Amino acid sequence: MGAGQSGGFEIGGSSMGYQVLRVYPNSPGSQAGLKAYFDFIVAIGNTRFNKEDGSLREILKASVDQKLKMIVFNTRNKQAREVEIVPTTSWGGSGLLGVSIKHSSFDKADERVWHVVQVDPGSPAHQAGLKADEDYVIGSDSILQESDDLYNLIEAHEGKALKLFVYNSKSDNCREVICHPNSRWGGRGFLGCEFGHGLLHRIPYADNQAVGGDPKPTSQQQQQSFNSLVRQPTMPHQQQTPSQQVPTQPGSQMFQQALFNSNLTSQQPQPLSQQQQSNPNNQQPSTMLSSPPRPMTNTQSTHSLSQPSDVPQTFAQLANAQLQASQEQQKQHYQQQQQQQQQQQ
């Protein structure tokens, strides 16, 4: 998909890279501050990893015990940064970096999450350690493409162990959670918890300083150079009247469209009964690639990094403010719905 077709984030004309699925303790990847699920390795030097052609493997093999500089894109704050890493076989584990990776697209990767909204006491979800509000399911051993895929996966694992990859917004860490779905546990559903999916339930954006552990400080000029690689989502060009100008304050529909893309409109919280009757086609498609990496071929290819337009420096802050406001509205509506149900009972 070319730059003119995707309408999403791109680096060097492509939205592909190697997604970090797991970072092993004490590995070179851990020491470099790589973050599981949110970090994508997109380039080393002039080699852009927009294809799974074996070039990354060859570069690492030729650079054992030598310092490399990677360009890593983080899907939480939409920032590219430079990461220094030393591939080695002497760190105590397998692989040169000590990370599991998967070649996939980082465009709209922040949509592939299921927010844990409520956990019933004594339920399978409660026993597995899922925490309401702060936990987000970001994948499993199976590929999740649609919003209903998680629910279907849970139902298919009744009486079986189900591994979920979960991000906790309070600790800013990812972990594996083993659940045991059971429709006869004594309460509602198979897990006894409620998930939220969509714009109002995405992981809040983080400040750039909090991403990637404690990375080596970079100058303002270097950071601007990295960010210049990133092309932000664009809207179709239309001549605007004064009443159509995009506002600078978060919380409006036009702001939301300008911040993400023309296909994502601002959503107002609805009662749960109306949400359940909404058209499932309105849900944004999602794909969580969390399966083991596929074998890579021996074909090598290098690609120069182009220089698309800059991402606004305030992008992460504005997105975070808008999403937090939307999530607070959703929470208030949910609480009102619960109070009304209790009064009726």
Foldseek 3Di string as FASTA:
>chain_A
DFPVPPLAKDFLGAQKFKAWQDADPQFQLVVQLDAHRFKGFQDWDQFGPRDLACAVVVVLVVQAQHKTWTWIAGLQQRFTDITITHFYPPSPDDGRGRTFIAIDGSTVLQQQKKAFAWADPQFQCVVQPDDHPFKIFRAFQDKAWAPCSVVVVLVVQAQHWGWTWMAGLVVRHIDITITHFHCPSPDDGRGRTDIDGDLLRTRAGDDPCPGRHHHDDDDPVNRQQRQQSMDHRDEPDDDDDPVLDQDPAADAQSVVCHLHHVLDGDDAADAPVVVVVDDSVNGDIHIRDNHGYDDGHNGDDGHGTDGHGGDDPCSSVRRNVNSVVRNVRNVVNHVVNVVVVVVVD
